[in-house]
């Protein structure tokens, strides 16, 4: 099934080479959960501080129970600091 993934800041290094504007389309197994997708992309759970699925924040403790569907849109942000 096809999903889109957008990674920001230090996480964009995990996107495929053909990603444009920090956005890539991926073909993944039907029903994969967010936790498994992060592992597939070699992203540590702690590294993906902010995970947004179709505009909804998914906390770390819900990632293994949240399964992706065709055409889902996943956005990942690392922890950021500023001042």
C-alpha atoms as a PDB file:
ATOM      1  CA  UNK A   1       0.000   0.000   0.000  1.00  0.00           C
ATOM      2  CA  UNK A   2       1.140   3.554  -0.612  1.00  0.00           C
ATOM      3  CA  UNK A   3       1.618   6.208   2.086  1.00  0.00           C
ATOM      4  CA  UNK A   4       3.323   9.587   2.191  1.00  0.00           C
ATOM      5  CA  UNK A   5       5.888  10.531   4.798  1.00  0.00           C
ATOM      6  CA  UNK A   6       7.344  13.919   5.567  1.00  0.00           C
ATOM      7  CA  UNK A   7      10.370  14.323   7.832  1.00  0.00           C
ATOM      8  CA  UNK A   8      11.782  17.555   9.180  1.00  0.00           C
ATOM      9  CA  UNK A   9      15.110  18.769  10.557  1.00  0.00           C
ATOM     10  CA  UNK A  10      17.530  15.913  11.340  1.00  0.00           C
ATOM     11  CA  UNK A  11      15.000  13.227  10.392  1.00  0.00           C
ATOM     12  CA  UNK A  12      15.006  14.080   6.684  1.00  0.00           C
ATOM     13  CA  UNK A  13      18.216  12.035   6.298  1.00  0.00           C
ATOM     14  CA  UNK A  14      16.052   8.897   6.674  1.00  0.00           C
ATOM     15  CA  UNK A  15      13.929   9.655   3.613  1.00  0.00           C
ATOM     16  CA  UNK A  16      14.591   7.922   0.281  1.00  0.00           C
ATOM     17  CA  UNK A  17      16.890   9.706  -2.171  1.00  0.00           C
ATOM     18  CA  UNK A  18      13.950  10.648  -4.405  1.00  0.00           C
ATOM     19  CA  UNK A  19      12.238  12.683  -1.664  1.00  0.00           C
ATOM     20  CA  UNK A  20      11.301  16.246  -2.609  1.00  0.00           C
ATOM     21  CA  UNK A  21      10.741  19.019  -0.065  1.00  0.00           C
ATOM     22  CA  UNK A  22      11.167  16.535   2.807  1.00  0.00           C
ATOM     23  CA  UNK A  23       8.278  14.465   1.387  1.00  0.00           C
ATOM     24  CA  UNK A  24       8.345  10.941  -0.025  1.00  0.00           C
ATOM     25  CA  UNK A  25       5.889   8.284  -1.128  1.00  0.00           C
ATOM     26  CA  UNK A  26       6.517   4.821   0.263  1.00  0.00           C
ATOM     27  CA  UNK A  27       5.082   1.434  -0.556  1.00  0.00           C
ATOM     28  CA  UNK A  28       4.724  -0.532   2.681  1.00  0.00           C
ATOM     29  CA  UNK A  29       3.017  -3.715   3.862  1.00  0.00           C
ATOM     30  CA  UNK A  30      -0.724  -3.482   4.346  1.00  0.00           C
ATOM     31  CA  UNK A  31      -1.588  -2.589   7.941  1.00  0.00           C
ATOM     32  CA  UNK A  32       1.961  -1.838   9.118  1.00  0.00           C
ATOM     33  CA  UNK A  33       1.981   0.058  12.402  1.00  0.00           C
ATOM     34  CA  UNK A  34       3.898   3.268  13.030  1.00  0.00           C
ATOM     35  CA  UNK A  35       6.411   1.596  15.338  1.00  0.00           C
ATOM     36  CA  UNK A  36       7.359  -0.960  12.645  1.00  0.00           C
ATOM     37  CA  UNK A  37       7.582   1.734   9.981  1.00  0.00           C
ATOM     38  CA  UNK A  38       9.994   3.735  12.131  1.00  0.00           C
ATOM     39  CA  UNK A  39      12.140   0.621  12.586  1.00  0.00           C
ATOM     40  CA  UNK A  40      12.002  -0.062   8.843  1.00  0.00           C
ATOM     41  CA  UNK A  41      13.350   3.447   8.238  1.00  0.00           C
ATOM     42  CA  UNK A  42      15.989   3.023  11.006  1.00  0.00           C
ATOM     43  CA  UNK A  43      14.457   5.829  13.068  1.00  0.00           C
ATOM     44  CA  UNK A  44      14.640   5.376  16.839  1.00  0.00           C
ATOM     45  CA  UNK A  45      11.319   5.949  18.603  1.00  0.00           C
ATOM     46  CA  UNK A  46      12.938   8.626  20.793  1.00  0.00           C
ATOM     47  CA  UNK A  47      14.232  10.408  17.696  1.00  0.00           C
ATOM     48  CA  UNK A  48      10.725  10.831  16.272  1.00  0.00           C
ATOM     49  CA  UNK A  49       9.517  13.128  19.033  1.00  0.00           C
ATOM     50  CA  UNK A  50       6.427  14.393  17.228  1.00  0.00           C
ATOM     51  CA  UNK A  51       4.478  11.945  15.049  1.00  0.00           C
ATOM     52  CA  UNK A  52       1.419  13.239  13.217  1.00  0.00           C
ATOM     53  CA  UNK A  53      -0.870  10.911  11.257  1.00  0.00           C
ATOM     54  CA  UNK A  54      -3.340  12.656   8.962  1.00  0.00           C
ATOM     55  CA  UNK A  55      -3.131  15.768  11.137  1.00  0.00           C
ATOM     56  CA  UNK A  56      -3.517  13.958  14.472  1.00  0.00           C
ATOM     57  CA  UNK A  57      -0.711  13.655  17.040  1.00  0.00           C
ATOM     58  CA  UNK A  58       0.158  10.023  17.890  1.00  0.00           C
ATOM     59  CA  UNK A  59       1.908   9.669  21.274  1.00  0.00           C
ATOM     60  CA  UNK A  60       4.768   7.215  21.618  1.00  0.00           C
ATOM     61  CA  UNK A  61       2.716   4.727  23.633  1.00  0.00           C
ATOM     62  CA  UNK A  62       0.103   4.462  20.827  1.00  0.00           C
ATOM     63  CA  UNK A  63       2.468   3.920  17.883  1.00  0.00           C
ATOM     64  CA  UNK A  64       2.487   0.120  18.059  1.00  0.00           C
ATOM     65  CA  UNK A  65      -1.330   0.035  18.074  1.00  0.00           C
ATOM     66  CA  UNK A  66      -1.774   2.586  15.274  1.00  0.00           C
ATOM     67  CA  UNK A  67      -1.926   0.851  11.897  1.00  0.00           C
ATOM     68  CA  UNK A  68      -1.490   2.702   8.644  1.00  0.00           C
ATOM     69  CA  UNK A  69      -3.943   2.638   5.756  1.00  0.00           C
ATOM     70  CA  UNK A  70      -3.665   3.340   2.044  1.00  0.00           C
ATOM     71  CA  UNK A  71      -2.904   7.023   1.309  1.00  0.00           C
ATOM     72  CA  UNK A  72      -2.177   7.917   4.948  1.00  0.00           C
ATOM     73  CA  UNK A  73       0.065  10.901   5.525  1.00  0.00           C
ATOM     74  CA  UNK A  74       2.690  10.681   8.265  1.00  0.00           C
ATOM     75  CA  UNK A  75       4.760  13.644   9.465  1.00  0.00           C
ATOM     76  CA  UNK A  76       7.777  13.274  11.757  1.00  0.00           C
ATOM     77  CA  UNK A  77       9.603  15.910  13.780  1.00  0.00           C
ATOM     78  CA  UNK A  78      12.578  15.450  16.078  1.00  0.00           C
ATOM     79  CA  UNK A  79      12.718  17.193  19.422  1.00  0.00           C
ATOM     80  CA  UNK A  80      13.602  20.819  18.800  1.00  0.00           C
ATOM     81  CA  UNK A  81      14.747  23.585  21.088  1.00  0.00           C
ATOM     82  CA  UNK A  82      14.904  27.274  20.596  1.00  0.00           C
ATOM     83  CA  UNK A  83      14.884  30.490  22.376  1.00  0.00           C
END
